[in-house]
Amino acid sequence: MAIRDSHNVSSITDNATGDYTVNFANAMTTNTYSLSTQVGNGNHSSNSRAFSWISGSVNGVRVLAEYGTGANSDESRCYVTVHGGV
């Protein structure tokens, strides 16, 4: 696991298969932010994949990568962008 571009990301915690916490370097002002996410393994497979928001705080956000079947999945490409709220 590697942070490819760290805009306000201090670290990523691998909680379990496909279960990640993105830790913020600087706390958000509120936890009412929104996420843009994308996940995939780089292949053009027929298996659908999704990123789910599990929980969030001003210090980070926990997300889950899973197949369309609901099984957790470690993927080679996981993207999370956080947009500040009001």
PDB file of N, CA and C in Angstrom:
ATOM      1  N   MET A   1       0.840  -1.159   0.000  1.00  0.00           N
ATOM      2  CA  MET A   1       0.000   0.000   0.000  1.00  0.00           C
ATOM      3  C   MET A   1       0.894   1.232   0.000  1.00  0.00           C
ATOM      4  N   ALA A   2       0.530   2.203  -0.829  1.00  0.00           N
ATOM      5  CA  ALA A   2       1.333   3.418  -0.932  1.00  0.00           C
ATOM      6  C   ALA A   2       0.445   4.620  -1.160  1.00  0.00           C
ATOM      7  N   ILE A   3       0.810   5.739  -0.572  1.00  0.00           N
ATOM      8  CA  ILE A   3       0.140   7.009  -0.845  1.00  0.00           C
ATOM      9  C   ILE A   3       0.785   7.575  -2.089  1.00  0.00           C
ATOM     10  N   ARG A   4       0.024   7.743  -3.140  1.00  0.00           N
ATOM     11  CA  ARG A   4       0.585   8.212  -4.409  1.00  0.00           C
ATOM     12  C   ARG A   4       0.607   9.736  -4.515  1.00  0.00           C
ATOM     13  N   ASP A   5      -0.312  10.404  -3.834  1.00  0.00           N
ATOM     14  CA  ASP A   5      -0.346  11.863  -3.799  1.00  0.00           C
ATOM     15  C   ASP A   5      -0.985  12.237  -2.473  1.00  0.00           C
ATOM     16  N   SER A   6      -0.296  12.979  -1.650  1.00  0.00           N
ATOM     17  CA  SER A   6      -0.640  13.060  -0.234  1.00  0.00           C
ATOM     18  C   SER A   6      -1.440  14.278   0.197  1.00  0.00           C
ATOM     19  N   HIS A   7      -2.090  14.959  -0.665  1.00  0.00           N
ATOM     20  CA  HIS A   7      -2.821  16.168  -0.281  1.00  0.00           C
ATOM     21  C   HIS A   7      -3.617  15.945   1.002  1.00  0.00           C
ATOM     22  N   ASN A   8      -3.040  16.303   2.120  1.00  0.00           N
ATOM     23  CA  ASN A   8      -3.622  16.213   3.457  1.00  0.00           C
ATOM     24  C   ASN A   8      -3.811  14.776   3.951  1.00  0.00           C
ATOM     25  N   VAL A   9      -3.080  13.821   3.394  1.00  0.00           N
ATOM     26  CA  VAL A   9      -3.120  12.445   3.894  1.00  0.00           C
ATOM     27  C   VAL A   9      -1.797  12.157   4.599  1.00  0.00           C
ATOM     28  N   SER A  10      -1.888  11.769   5.874  1.00  0.00           N
ATOM     29  CA  SER A  10      -0.672  11.458   6.623  1.00  0.00           C
ATOM     30  C   SER A  10      -0.314   9.980   6.531  1.00  0.00           C
ATOM     31  N   SER A  11      -1.354   9.118   6.461  1.00  0.00           N
ATOM     32  CA  SER A  11      -1.112   7.682   6.396  1.00  0.00           C
ATOM     33  C   SER A  11      -2.397   6.967   5.999  1.00  0.00           C
ATOM     34  N   ILE A  12      -2.236   5.687   5.673  1.00  0.00           N
ATOM     35  CA  ILE A  12      -3.374   4.819   5.391  1.00  0.00           C
ATOM     36  C   ILE A  12      -3.230   3.596   6.283  1.00  0.00           C
ATOM     37  N   THR A  13      -4.303   3.238   6.954  1.00  0.00           N
ATOM     38  CA  THR A  13      -4.309   2.050   7.806  1.00  0.00           C
ATOM     39  C   THR A  13      -5.037   0.932   7.088  1.00  0.00           C
ATOM     40  N   ASP A  14      -4.391  -0.225   6.991  1.00  0.00           N
ATOM     41  CA  ASP A  14      -5.007  -1.416   6.396  1.00  0.00           C
ATOM     42  C   ASP A  14      -5.658  -2.191   7.539  1.00  0.00           C
ATOM     43  N   ASN A  15      -6.977  -2.033   7.709  1.00  0.00           N
ATOM     44  CA  ASN A  15      -7.704  -2.651   8.822  1.00  0.00           C
ATOM     45  C   ASN A  15      -7.940  -4.136   8.607  1.00  0.00           C
ATOM     46  N   ALA A  16      -8.201  -4.530   7.364  1.00  0.00           N
ATOM     47  CA  ALA A  16      -8.487  -5.921   6.993  1.00  0.00           C
ATOM     48  C   ALA A  16      -8.568  -5.954   5.475  1.00  0.00           C
ATOM     49  N   THR A  17      -8.917  -7.084   4.893  1.00  0.00           N
ATOM     50  CA  THR A  17      -9.037  -7.192   3.437  1.00  0.00           C
ATOM     51  C   THR A  17     -10.016  -6.156   2.913  1.00  0.00           C
ATOM     52  N   GLY A  18      -9.532  -5.249   2.066  1.00  0.00           N
ATOM     53  CA  GLY A  18     -10.372  -4.238   1.445  1.00  0.00           C
ATOM     54  C   GLY A  18     -10.906  -3.172   2.371  1.00  0.00           C
ATOM     55  N   ASP A  19     -10.417  -3.101   3.587  1.00  0.00           N
ATOM     56  CA  ASP A  19     -10.908  -2.182   4.612  1.00  0.00           C
ATOM     57  C   ASP A  19      -9.778  -1.227   4.984  1.00  0.00           C
ATOM     58  N   TYR A  20      -9.941   0.054   4.646  1.00  0.00           N
ATOM     59  CA  TYR A  20      -8.866   1.030   4.808  1.00  0.00           C
ATOM     60  C   TYR A  20      -9.351   2.254   5.568  1.00  0.00           C
ATOM     61  N   THR A  21      -8.445   2.843   6.344  1.00  0.00           N
ATOM     62  CA  THR A  21      -8.693   4.148   6.940  1.00  0.00           C
ATOM     63  C   THR A  21      -7.682   5.125   6.361  1.00  0.00           C
ATOM     64  N   VAL A  22      -8.179   6.214   5.794  1.00  0.00           N
ATOM     65  CA  VAL A  22      -7.340   7.292   5.270  1.00  0.00           C
ATOM     66  C   VAL A  22      -7.248   8.334   6.381  1.00  0.00           C
ATOM     67  N   ASN A  23      -6.043   8.534   6.920  1.00  0.00           N
ATOM     68  CA  ASN A  23      -5.816   9.458   8.031  1.00  0.00           C
ATOM     69  C   ASN A  23      -5.359  10.808   7.494  1.00  0.00           C
ATOM     70  N   PHE A  24      -5.988  11.870   7.983  1.00  0.00           N
ATOM     71  CA  PHE A  24      -5.689  13.216   7.511  1.00  0.00           C
ATOM     72  C   PHE A  24      -4.507  13.815   8.266  1.00  0.00           C
ATOM     73  N   ALA A  25      -3.648  14.532   7.568  1.00  0.00           N
ATOM     74  CA  ALA A  25      -2.517  15.229   8.195  1.00  0.00           C
ATOM     75  C   ALA A  25      -3.029  16.395   9.042  1.00  0.00           C
ATOM     76  N   ASN A  26      -4.015  17.110   8.526  1.00  0.00           N
ATOM     77  CA  ASN A  26      -4.646  18.217   9.236  1.00  0.00           C
ATOM     78  C   ASN A  26      -6.133  17.910   9.340  1.00  0.00           C
ATOM     79  N   ALA A  27      -6.672  18.026  10.528  1.00  0.00           N
ATOM     80  CA  ALA A  27      -8.080  17.703  10.744  1.00  0.00           C
ATOM     81  C   ALA A  27      -8.984  18.588   9.883  1.00  0.00           C
ATOM     82  N   MET A  28     -10.065  17.985   9.410  1.00  0.00           N
ATOM     83  CA  MET A  28     -11.097  18.756   8.706  1.00  0.00           C
ATOM     84  C   MET A  28     -11.816  19.609   9.757  1.00  0.00           C
ATOM     85  N   THR A  29     -12.478  20.683   9.327  1.00  0.00           N
ATOM     86  CA  THR A  29     -13.178  21.546  10.286  1.00  0.00           C
ATOM     87  C   THR A  29     -14.458  20.896  10.803  1.00  0.00           C
ATOM     88  N   THR A  30     -15.079  20.034   9.980  1.00  0.00           N
ATOM     89  CA  THR A  30     -16.263  19.281  10.401  1.00  0.00           C
ATOM     90  C   THR A  30     -16.188  17.892   9.767  1.00  0.00           C
ATOM     91  N   ASN A  31     -17.071  17.000  10.171  1.00  0.00           N
ATOM     92  CA  ASN A  31     -17.123  15.685   9.531  1.00  0.00           C
ATOM     93  C   ASN A  31     -18.274  15.602   8.526  1.00  0.00           C
ATOM     94  N   THR A  32     -18.687  16.760   7.989  1.00  0.00           N
ATOM     95  CA  THR A  32     -19.753  16.796   6.994  1.00  0.00           C
ATOM     96  C   THR A  32     -19.196  16.957   5.585  1.00  0.00           C
ATOM     97  N   TYR A  33     -18.046  16.370   5.328  1.00  0.00           N
ATOM     98  CA  TYR A  33     -17.422  16.425   4.018  1.00  0.00           C
ATOM     99  C   TYR A  33     -18.008  15.347   3.112  1.00  0.00           C
ATOM    100  N   SER A  34     -17.693  15.445   1.830  1.00  0.00           N
ATOM    101  CA  SER A  34     -18.148  14.423   0.886  1.00  0.00           C
ATOM    102  C   SER A  34     -16.937  13.726   0.282  1.00  0.00           C
ATOM    103  N   LEU A  35     -17.171  12.534  -0.275  1.00  0.00           N
ATOM    104  CA  LEU A  35     -16.106  11.739  -0.865  1.00  0.00           C
ATOM    105  C   LEU A  35     -16.377  11.483  -2.335  1.00  0.00           C
ATOM    106  N   SER A  36     -15.309  11.440  -3.101  1.00  0.00           N
ATOM    107  CA  SER A  36     -15.331  10.891  -4.457  1.00  0.00           C
ATOM    108  C   SER A  36     -14.399   9.693  -4.403  1.00  0.00           C
ATOM    109  N   THR A  37     -14.868   8.534  -4.841  1.00  0.00           N
ATOM    110  CA  THR A  37     -14.058   7.328  -4.740  1.00  0.00           C
ATOM    111  C   THR A  37     -14.081   6.537  -6.039  1.00  0.00           C
ATOM    112  N   GLN A  38     -13.031   5.781  -6.224  1.00  0.00           N
ATOM    113  CA  GLN A  38     -12.940   4.868  -7.363  1.00  0.00           C
ATOM    114  C   GLN A  38     -12.052   3.705  -6.936  1.00  0.00           C
ATOM    115  N   VAL A  39     -12.385   2.510  -7.373  1.00  0.00           N
ATOM    116  CA  VAL A  39     -11.604   1.335  -7.019  1.00  0.00           C
ATOM    117  C   VAL A  39     -11.553   0.396  -8.213  1.00  0.00           C
ATOM    118  N   GLY A  40     -10.456  -0.323  -8.365  1.00  0.00           N
ATOM    119  CA  GLY A  40     -10.335  -1.289  -9.452  1.00  0.00           C
ATOM    120  C   GLY A  40      -8.995  -1.984  -9.398  1.00  0.00           C
ATOM    121  N   ASN A  41      -8.871  -3.063 -10.148  1.00  0.00           N
ATOM    122  CA  ASN A  41      -7.618  -3.812 -10.133  1.00  0.00           C
ATOM    123  C   ASN A  41      -6.793  -3.601 -11.390  1.00  0.00           C
ATOM    124  N   GLY A  42      -7.226  -2.697 -12.254  1.00  0.00           N
ATOM    125  CA  GLY A  42      -6.478  -2.424 -13.470  1.00  0.00           C
ATOM    126  C   GLY A  42      -6.860  -3.307 -14.632  1.00  0.00           C
ATOM    127  N   ASN A  43      -7.676  -4.316 -14.388  1.00  0.00           N
ATOM    128  CA  ASN A  43      -8.141  -5.206 -15.458  1.00  0.00           C
ATOM    129  C   ASN A  43      -9.550  -4.816 -15.881  1.00  0.00           C
ATOM    130  N   HIS A  44      -9.914  -5.199 -17.062  1.00  0.00           N
ATOM    131  CA  HIS A  44     -11.272  -4.955 -17.527  1.00  0.00           C
ATOM    132  C   HIS A  44     -12.084  -6.216 -17.279  1.00  0.00           C
ATOM    133  N   SER A  45     -12.359  -6.452 -16.023  1.00  0.00           N
ATOM    134  CA  SER A  45     -13.060  -7.653 -15.592  1.00  0.00           C
ATOM    135  C   SER A  45     -14.559  -7.391 -15.540  1.00  0.00           C
ATOM    136  N   SER A  46     -15.339  -8.445 -15.637  1.00  0.00           N
ATOM    137  CA  SER A  46     -16.790  -8.297 -15.549  1.00  0.00           C
ATOM    138  C   SER A  46     -17.255  -8.173 -14.106  1.00  0.00           C
ATOM    139  N   ASN A  47     -16.362  -8.383 -13.136  1.00  0.00           N
ATOM    140  CA  ASN A  47     -16.735  -8.252 -11.731  1.00  0.00           C
ATOM    141  C   ASN A  47     -16.841  -6.782 -11.358  1.00  0.00           C
ATOM    142  N   SER A  48     -18.012  -6.369 -10.897  1.00  0.00           N
ATOM    143  CA  SER A  48     -18.164  -4.979 -10.492  1.00  0.00           C
ATOM    144  C   SER A  48     -17.539  -4.781  -9.129  1.00  0.00           C
ATOM    145  N   ARG A  49     -17.026  -3.586  -8.893  1.00  0.00           N
ATOM    146  CA  ARG A  49     -16.391  -3.245  -7.635  1.00  0.00           C
ATOM    147  C   ARG A  49     -16.961  -1.939  -7.136  1.00  0.00           C
ATOM    148  N   ALA A  50     -16.910  -1.756  -5.834  1.00  0.00           N
ATOM    149  CA  ALA A  50     -17.448  -0.535  -5.248  1.00  0.00           C
ATOM    150  C   ALA A  50     -16.625  -0.151  -4.040  1.00  0.00           C
ATOM    151  N   PHE A  51     -16.670   1.115  -3.701  1.00  0.00           N
ATOM    152  CA  PHE A  51     -16.071   1.638  -2.485  1.00  0.00           C
ATOM    153  C   PHE A  51     -17.215   2.143  -1.621  1.00  0.00           C
ATOM    154  N   SER A  52     -17.285   1.711  -0.404  1.00  0.00           N
ATOM    155  CA  SER A  52     -18.328   2.137   0.519  1.00  0.00           C
ATOM    156  C   SER A  52     -17.715   2.953   1.643  1.00  0.00           C
ATOM    157  N   TRP A  53     -18.411   3.970   2.057  1.00  0.00           N
ATOM    158  CA  TRP A  53     -18.008   4.780   3.202  1.00  0.00           C
ATOM    159  C   TRP A  53     -18.478   4.046   4.440  1.00  0.00           C
ATOM    160  N   ILE A  54     -17.561   3.690   5.340  1.00  0.00           N
ATOM    161  CA  ILE A  54     -17.939   3.019   6.583  1.00  0.00           C
ATOM    162  C   ILE A  54     -18.164   4.045   7.687  1.00  0.00           C
ATOM    163  N   SER A  55     -17.194   4.918   7.887  1.00  0.00           N
ATOM    164  CA  SER A  55     -17.324   5.953   8.915  1.00  0.00           C
ATOM    165  C   SER A  55     -16.343   7.075   8.629  1.00  0.00           C
ATOM    166  N   GLY A  56     -16.607   8.228   9.217  1.00  0.00           N
ATOM    167  CA  GLY A  56     -15.728   9.366   9.029  1.00  0.00           C
ATOM    168  C   GLY A  56     -15.677  10.229  10.272  1.00  0.00           C
ATOM    169  N   SER A  57     -14.569  10.903  10.430  1.00  0.00           N
ATOM    170  CA  SER A  57     -14.396  11.861  11.520  1.00  0.00           C
ATOM    171  C   SER A  57     -13.571  13.015  10.969  1.00  0.00           C
ATOM    172  N   VAL A  58     -13.298  13.995  11.793  1.00  0.00           N
ATOM    173  CA  VAL A  58     -12.473  15.105  11.331  1.00  0.00           C
ATOM    174  C   VAL A  58     -11.025  14.670  11.100  1.00  0.00           C
ATOM    175  N   ASN A  59     -10.648  13.498  11.620  1.00  0.00           N
ATOM    176  CA  ASN A  59      -9.271  13.018  11.504  1.00  0.00           C
ATOM    177  C   ASN A  59      -9.033  11.997  10.408  1.00  0.00           C
ATOM    178  N   GLY A  60     -10.108  11.481   9.797  1.00  0.00           N
ATOM    179  CA  GLY A  60      -9.927  10.486   8.751  1.00  0.00           C
ATOM    180  C   GLY A  60     -11.244   9.878   8.319  1.00  0.00           C
ATOM    181  N   VAL A  61     -11.148   9.009   7.321  1.00  0.00           N
ATOM    182  CA  VAL A  61     -12.338   8.345   6.800  1.00  0.00           C
ATOM    183  C   VAL A  61     -12.010   6.876   6.576  1.00  0.00           C
ATOM    184  N   ARG A  62     -12.964   6.003   6.900  1.00  0.00           N
ATOM    185  CA  ARG A  62     -12.788   4.560   6.714  1.00  0.00           C
ATOM    186  C   ARG A  62     -13.659   4.114   5.556  1.00  0.00           C
ATOM    187  N   VAL A  63     -13.045   3.414   4.610  1.00  0.00           N
ATOM    188  CA  VAL A  63     -13.739   2.976   3.410  1.00  0.00           C
ATOM    189  C   VAL A  63     -13.530   1.482   3.191  1.00  0.00           C
ATOM    190  N   LEU A  64     -14.425   0.871   2.422  1.00  0.00           N
ATOM    191  CA  LEU A  64     -14.396  -0.562   2.168  1.00  0.00           C
ATOM    192  C   LEU A  64     -14.470  -0.815   0.670  1.00  0.00           C
ATOM    193  N   ALA A  65     -13.493  -1.559   0.138  1.00  0.00           N
ATOM    194  CA  ALA A  65     -13.499  -1.966  -1.266  1.00  0.00           C
ATOM    195  C   ALA A  65     -14.111  -3.352  -1.338  1.00  0.00           C
ATOM    196  N   GLU A  66     -15.080  -3.536  -2.229  1.00  0.00           N
ATOM    197  CA  GLU A  66     -15.745  -4.834  -2.312  1.00  0.00           C
ATOM    198  C   GLU A  66     -16.196  -5.142  -3.731  1.00  0.00           C
ATOM    199  N   TYR A  67     -16.321  -6.434  -3.995  1.00  0.00           N
ATOM    200  CA  TYR A  67     -16.902  -6.886  -5.251  1.00  0.00           C
ATOM    201  C   TYR A  67     -18.399  -6.645  -5.198  1.00  0.00           C
ATOM    202  N   GLY A  68     -19.057  -6.705  -6.336  1.00  0.00           N
ATOM    203  CA  GLY A  68     -20.503  -6.569  -6.387  1.00  0.00           C
ATOM    204  C   GLY A  68     -21.217  -7.630  -5.575  1.00  0.00           C
ATOM    205  N   THR A  69     -20.537  -8.730  -5.276  1.00  0.00           N
ATOM    206  CA  THR A  69     -21.122  -9.799  -4.472  1.00  0.00           C
ATOM    207  C   THR A  69     -21.099  -9.478  -2.989  1.00  0.00           C
ATOM    208  N   GLY A  70     -20.420  -8.416  -2.603  1.00  0.00           N
ATOM    209  CA  GLY A  70     -20.311  -8.037  -1.200  1.00  0.00           C
ATOM    210  C   GLY A  70     -19.052  -8.537  -0.521  1.00  0.00           C
ATOM    211  N   ALA A  71     -18.234  -9.324  -1.231  1.00  0.00           N
ATOM    212  CA  ALA A  71     -16.983  -9.822  -0.660  1.00  0.00           C
ATOM    213  C   ALA A  71     -15.938  -8.713  -0.655  1.00  0.00           C
ATOM    214  N   ASN A  72     -15.240  -8.549   0.454  1.00  0.00           N
ATOM    215  CA  ASN A  72     -14.174  -7.553   0.533  1.00  0.00           C
ATOM    216  C   ASN A  72     -13.039  -7.928  -0.401  1.00  0.00           C
ATOM    217  N   SER A  73     -12.353  -6.906  -0.933  1.00  0.00           N
ATOM    218  CA  SER A  73     -11.326  -7.158  -1.928  1.00  0.00           C
ATOM    219  C   SER A  73     -10.199  -6.137  -1.828  1.00  0.00           C
ATOM    220  N   ASP A  74      -8.948  -6.608  -1.707  1.00  0.00           N
ATOM    221  CA  ASP A  74      -7.795  -5.720  -1.825  1.00  0.00           C
ATOM    222  C   ASP A  74      -7.587  -5.439  -3.308  1.00  0.00           C
ATOM    223  N   GLU A  75      -7.536  -4.181  -3.678  1.00  0.00           N
ATOM    224  CA  GLU A  75      -7.399  -3.786  -5.075  1.00  0.00           C
ATOM    225  C   GLU A  75      -6.095  -3.035  -5.290  1.00  0.00           C
ATOM    226  N   SER A  76      -5.589  -3.068  -6.504  1.00  0.00           N
ATOM    227  CA  SER A  76      -4.328  -2.392  -6.796  1.00  0.00           C
ATOM    228  C   SER A  76      -4.507  -0.884  -6.955  1.00  0.00           C
ATOM    229  N   ARG A  77      -5.718  -0.439  -7.207  1.00  0.00           N
ATOM    230  CA  ARG A  77      -5.970   0.995  -7.375  1.00  0.00           C
ATOM    231  C   ARG A  77      -7.206   1.393  -6.563  1.00  0.00           C
ATOM    232  N   CYS A  78      -6.971   2.246  -5.577  1.00  0.00           N
ATOM    233  CA  CYS A  78      -8.053   2.777  -4.754  1.00  0.00           C
ATOM    234  C   CYS A  78      -7.853   4.284  -4.643  1.00  0.00           C
ATOM    235  N   TYR A  79      -8.856   5.048  -5.038  1.00  0.00           N
ATOM    236  CA  TYR A  79      -8.752   6.504  -5.035  1.00  0.00           C
ATOM    237  C   TYR A  79      -9.822   7.087  -4.133  1.00  0.00           C
ATOM    238  N   VAL A  80      -9.416   7.999  -3.268  1.00  0.00           N
ATOM    239  CA  VAL A  80     -10.345   8.701  -2.380  1.00  0.00           C
ATOM    240  C   VAL A  80     -10.014  10.182  -2.446  1.00  0.00           C
ATOM    241  N   THR A  81     -11.011  11.000  -2.744  1.00  0.00           N
ATOM    242  CA  THR A  81     -10.863  12.449  -2.723  1.00  0.00           C
ATOM    243  C   THR A  81     -11.895  12.990  -1.755  1.00  0.00           C
ATOM    244  N   VAL A  82     -11.461  13.829  -0.826  1.00  0.00           N
ATOM    245  CA  VAL A  82     -12.356  14.409   0.174  1.00  0.00           C
ATOM    246  C   VAL A  82     -12.602  15.867  -0.172  1.00  0.00           C
ATOM    247  N   HIS A  83     -13.871  16.247  -0.142  1.00  0.00           N
ATOM    248  CA  HIS A  83     -14.270  17.631  -0.410  1.00  0.00           C
ATOM    249  C   HIS A  83     -14.866  18.198   0.870  1.00  0.00           C
ATOM    250  N   GLY A  84     -14.310  19.304   1.342  1.00  0.00           N
ATOM    251  CA  GLY A  84     -14.756  19.899   2.601  1.00  0.00           C
ATOM    252  C   GLY A  84     -16.210  20.316   2.561  1.00  0.00           C
ATOM    253  N   GLY A  85     -16.868  20.182   3.682  1.00  0.00           N
ATOM    254  CA  GLY A  85     -18.273  20.555   3.814  1.00  0.00           C
ATOM    255  C   GLY A  85     -18.418  21.871   4.537  1.00  0.00           C
ATOM    256  N   VAL A  86     -19.659  22.231   4.791  1.00  0.00           N
ATOM    257  CA  VAL A  86     -19.944  23.470   5.528  1.00  0.00           C
ATOM    258  C   VAL A  86     -20.743  23.181   6.761  1.00  0.00           C
TER     259      VAL A  86
END
